[in-house]
Amino acid sequence: MDHTWQLIATERTRLAAALSELSAPQWAAPSLCAGWDNADVLAHIVSTAEITAATFITGMVRNGFNVNRMVAGDVERVGAAGVPALLDRLRAGAGSRAKPPGPVGAMLMETIVHGEDIAYPTGLKIHHTEQGMLGAAEFARTAQPLVGCRKRIQGLRLLATDHVWSTGTGPEVRGPLIALLLAMSGRQAAIDELTGDGVPVLRRRP
């Protein structure tokens, strides 16, 4: 667990450094998360990094146990601080171990995938650690509640072409690990980077 938290801290630090290069128009551009611009995704990353089990439960009660309503409210509230302040908070809180209920691996996956939700459509390069990406992919391949990864890749074999990683059996889907991770997470834009007989199957799955 400590190792995963160390990876999360490193990924948050690298993410903040990379995102500092974006311009105001890029922050206002659509992210890979439907209905959110890039600034919204940053607000979500920061709010999730700062939430505790207690504040999560309080927020759920306040929002009638509707997680989507709670997340939307957090994005609006936290996002009001503005991008520069949020980047400062992400840097300052990189080593924080606060989290909502759930496995630590989910926090690693969330940091990398949501970072790419911003970076991928802008062409920005985030220098992820190899261990971070492998850890996120290993968690994602069996993750189902909220993210739906396990069902999305069921009956397919995913094979990274730039790292030693694979999972599953069946028609093959090949490509860069970050594209596989995004595709597992339901980001259709990343599927264009993938090849293999399993790609049409994966593309049909929301």
Protein backbone atom coordinates (compact mmCIF):
# COMPACT_ATOMS: atom_id res chain seq x y z
CA MET A 1 0.00 0.00 0.00
CA ASP A 2 2.82 2.40 0.86
CA HIS A 3 4.36 1.71 -2.55
CA THR A 4 1.10 2.59 -4.30
CA TRP A 5 0.82 5.84 -2.35
CA GLN A 6 4.39 6.72 -3.37
CA LEU A 7 3.44 6.13 -7.02
CA ILE A 8 0.37 8.34 -6.60
CA ALA A 9 2.48 11.14 -5.12
CA THR A 10 4.93 10.93 -8.02
CA GLU A 11 2.16 10.87 -10.62
CA ARG A 12 0.42 13.89 -9.04
CA THR A 13 3.68 15.84 -9.04
CA ARG A 14 4.39 14.98 -12.68
CA LEU A 15 0.81 15.76 -13.63
CA ALA A 16 0.92 19.22 -12.03
CA ALA A 17 4.21 19.97 -13.81
CA ALA A 18 2.85 18.91 -17.20
CA LEU A 19 -0.48 20.72 -16.84
CA SER A 20 1.24 24.00 -16.00
CA GLU A 21 2.09 24.26 -19.71
CA LEU A 22 -1.54 24.55 -20.83
CA SER A 23 -2.98 27.87 -22.00
CA ALA A 24 -6.30 29.41 -20.94
CA PRO A 25 -8.04 28.33 -24.18
CA GLN A 26 -6.81 24.77 -23.64
CA TRP A 27 -8.24 24.72 -20.11
CA ALA A 28 -11.60 25.74 -21.56
CA ALA A 29 -11.50 23.01 -24.24
CA PRO A 30 -13.48 19.76 -23.94
CA SER A 31 -11.80 16.91 -22.09
CA LEU A 32 -12.27 13.19 -22.71
CA CYS A 33 -14.90 13.24 -19.93
CA ALA A 34 -18.23 13.95 -21.57
CA GLY A 35 -19.67 17.29 -20.47
CA TRP A 36 -16.51 18.47 -18.69
CA ASP A 37 -13.90 20.88 -19.94
CA ASN A 38 -10.28 20.43 -18.91
CA ALA A 39 -10.61 22.78 -15.93
CA ASP A 40 -13.53 20.70 -14.66
CA VAL A 41 -11.41 17.55 -14.76
CA LEU A 42 -8.64 19.29 -12.83
CA ALA A 43 -11.18 20.32 -10.19
CA HIS A 44 -12.31 16.70 -9.95
CA ILE A 45 -8.72 15.44 -9.58
CA VAL A 46 -8.07 17.92 -6.76
CA SER A 47 -11.38 17.31 -5.00
CA THR A 48 -10.79 13.55 -5.04
CA ALA A 49 -7.23 14.00 -3.75
CA GLU A 50 -8.53 16.07 -0.84
CA ILE A 51 -11.62 14.08 0.13
CA THR A 52 -11.63 11.85 3.21
CA ALA A 53 -13.87 8.95 4.13
CA ALA A 54 -15.75 11.23 6.51
CA THR A 55 -16.31 14.05 3.99
CA PHE A 56 -17.29 11.47 1.36
CA ILE A 57 -20.00 10.04 3.59
CA THR A 58 -21.19 13.52 4.55
CA GLY A 59 -21.34 14.51 0.88
CA MET A 60 -23.27 11.39 -0.04
CA VAL A 61 -25.85 12.06 2.67
CA ARG A 62 -26.16 15.70 1.62
CA ASN A 63 -26.76 14.63 -2.00
CA GLY A 64 -29.27 11.87 -1.30
CA PHE A 65 -26.66 9.15 -1.91
CA ASN A 66 -26.40 10.21 -5.55
CA VAL A 67 -22.69 9.97 -6.32
CA ASN A 68 -22.94 11.79 -9.66
CA ARG A 69 -24.69 14.75 -8.03
CA MET A 70 -22.05 14.84 -5.30
CA VAL A 71 -19.19 14.76 -7.82
CA ALA A 72 -20.77 17.52 -9.92
CA GLY A 73 -21.18 19.70 -6.82
CA ASP A 74 -17.58 19.10 -5.79
CA VAL A 75 -16.34 20.06 -9.25
CA GLU A 76 -18.30 23.29 -9.17
CA ARG A 77 -17.23 24.16 -5.63
CA VAL A 78 -13.55 23.28 -5.98
CA GLY A 79 -13.32 24.62 -9.52
CA ALA A 80 -14.32 28.10 -8.34
CA ALA A 81 -10.76 28.49 -7.01
CA GLY A 82 -9.40 28.73 -10.56
CA VAL A 83 -6.77 26.70 -12.41
CA PRO A 84 -3.59 28.30 -10.93
CA ALA A 85 -4.79 27.72 -7.36
CA LEU A 86 -5.84 24.17 -8.18
CA LEU A 87 -2.43 23.35 -9.65
CA ASP A 88 -0.84 24.69 -6.46
CA ARG A 89 -3.14 22.51 -4.38
CA LEU A 90 -2.32 19.46 -6.49
CA ARG A 91 1.41 20.05 -6.00
CA ALA A 92 1.11 20.77 -2.29
CA GLY A 93 -1.12 17.76 -1.67
CA ALA A 94 0.75 15.28 -3.85
CA GLY A 95 1.75 13.20 -0.84
CA SER A 96 -1.65 13.29 0.83
CA ARG A 97 -3.14 9.90 1.67
CA ALA A 98 -6.69 11.16 2.07
CA LYS A 99 -9.16 9.15 0.02
CA PRO A 100 -12.80 8.15 -0.19
CA PRO A 101 -13.78 4.58 0.76
CA GLY A 102 -12.28 2.05 -1.65
CA PRO A 103 -8.94 0.55 -2.71
CA VAL A 104 -5.81 2.67 -3.00
CA GLY A 105 -5.30 1.34 -6.53
CA ALA A 106 -8.37 3.26 -7.60
CA MET A 107 -6.63 6.50 -6.65
CA LEU A 108 -3.64 5.61 -8.83
CA MET A 109 -5.86 4.76 -11.79
CA GLU A 110 -7.89 7.93 -11.26
CA THR A 111 -4.80 10.15 -11.19
CA ILE A 112 -3.39 8.75 -14.43
CA VAL A 113 -6.64 8.37 -16.38
CA HIS A 114 -8.05 11.77 -15.43
CA GLY A 115 -4.69 13.38 -16.12
CA GLU A 116 -4.87 11.91 -19.62
CA ASP A 117 -8.48 13.09 -19.93
CA ILE A 118 -6.92 16.55 -20.00
CA ALA A 119 -3.62 15.84 -21.73
CA TYR A 120 -4.67 13.40 -24.45
CA PRO A 121 -6.96 15.72 -26.47
CA THR A 122 -4.48 18.61 -26.16
CA GLY A 123 -1.49 16.54 -27.30
CA LEU A 124 0.29 17.24 -24.02
CA LYS A 125 2.83 14.63 -22.89
CA ILE A 126 2.76 13.51 -19.26
CA HIS A 127 5.88 11.60 -18.25
CA HIS A 128 4.21 8.81 -16.30
CA THR A 129 6.38 6.35 -14.42
CA GLU A 130 6.40 2.83 -15.82
CA GLN A 131 5.41 1.44 -12.42
CA GLY A 132 2.56 3.90 -12.18
CA MET A 133 1.11 2.91 -15.54
CA LEU A 134 1.55 -0.80 -14.86
CA GLY A 135 -0.08 -0.44 -11.45
CA ALA A 136 -3.01 1.48 -12.89
CA ALA A 137 -3.47 -1.07 -15.68
CA GLU A 138 -3.34 -3.99 -13.26
CA PHE A 139 -6.01 -2.37 -11.11
CA ALA A 140 -8.16 -1.39 -14.10
CA ARG A 141 -8.30 -4.84 -15.68
CA THR A 142 -10.47 -6.19 -12.83
CA ALA A 143 -12.23 -2.95 -11.82
CA GLN A 144 -15.99 -2.91 -12.35
CA PRO A 145 -18.03 -0.67 -9.99
CA LEU A 146 -18.28 2.92 -11.32
CA VAL A 147 -15.67 2.41 -14.07
CA GLY A 148 -16.84 -0.79 -15.81
CA CYS A 149 -13.41 -1.87 -17.03
CA ARG A 150 -13.74 -5.60 -16.38
CA LYS A 151 -16.94 -5.96 -18.39
CA ARG A 152 -15.62 -3.70 -21.17
CA ILE A 153 -12.62 -5.94 -21.88
CA GLN A 154 -14.27 -9.29 -21.15
CA GLY A 155 -13.34 -11.93 -23.75
CA LEU A 156 -10.48 -9.87 -25.18
CA ARG A 157 -6.71 -10.13 -24.91
CA LEU A 158 -5.02 -6.76 -24.37
CA LEU A 159 -1.31 -6.56 -25.17
CA ALA A 160 0.91 -3.52 -24.62
CA THR A 161 3.43 -2.84 -27.38
CA ASP A 162 5.63 -0.51 -25.31
CA HIS A 163 5.69 -2.29 -21.92
CA VAL A 164 5.64 -5.90 -20.71
CA TRP A 165 1.92 -6.14 -19.89
CA SER A 166 -1.03 -8.16 -21.11
CA THR A 167 -4.33 -9.44 -19.79
CA GLY A 168 -7.21 -11.65 -20.85
CA THR A 169 -7.82 -14.17 -23.60
CA GLY A 170 -9.63 -13.89 -26.92
CA PRO A 171 -9.37 -11.56 -29.92
CA GLU A 172 -6.31 -9.34 -29.48
CA VAL A 173 -6.14 -5.60 -28.89
CA ARG A 174 -2.60 -4.18 -29.18
CA GLY A 175 -1.14 -0.74 -28.59
CA PRO A 176 0.61 1.63 -26.21
CA LEU A 177 -0.19 0.92 -22.56
CA ILE A 178 -1.62 4.39 -21.93
CA ALA A 179 -4.03 3.92 -24.86
CA LEU A 180 -5.06 0.51 -23.53
CA LEU A 181 -5.65 1.99 -20.08
CA LEU A 182 -7.80 4.77 -21.53
CA ALA A 183 -9.75 2.33 -23.70
CA MET A 184 -10.36 0.07 -20.70
CA SER A 185 -11.70 3.15 -18.93
CA GLY A 186 -14.19 3.85 -21.72
CA ARG A 187 -12.31 6.62 -23.54
CA GLN A 188 -13.25 5.90 -27.15
CA ALA A 189 -10.77 8.41 -28.56
CA ALA A 190 -7.85 6.20 -27.53
CA ILE A 191 -9.14 3.20 -29.50
CA ASP A 192 -7.86 4.80 -32.71
CA GLU A 193 -4.32 4.03 -31.47
CA LEU A 194 -5.08 0.32 -31.10
CA THR A 195 -4.91 -2.55 -33.56
CA GLY A 196 -6.01 -6.18 -33.66
CA ASP A 197 -9.07 -8.33 -34.23
CA GLY A 198 -10.56 -7.28 -30.90
CA VAL A 199 -10.67 -3.55 -31.67
CA PRO A 200 -14.15 -3.60 -33.33
CA VAL A 201 -15.52 -5.45 -30.28
CA LEU A 202 -13.99 -2.96 -27.87
CA ARG A 203 -15.24 -0.03 -29.94
CA ARG A 204 -18.83 -1.28 -29.67
CA ARG A 205 -18.70 -1.33 -25.87
CA PRO A 206 -19.54 1.95 -24.09
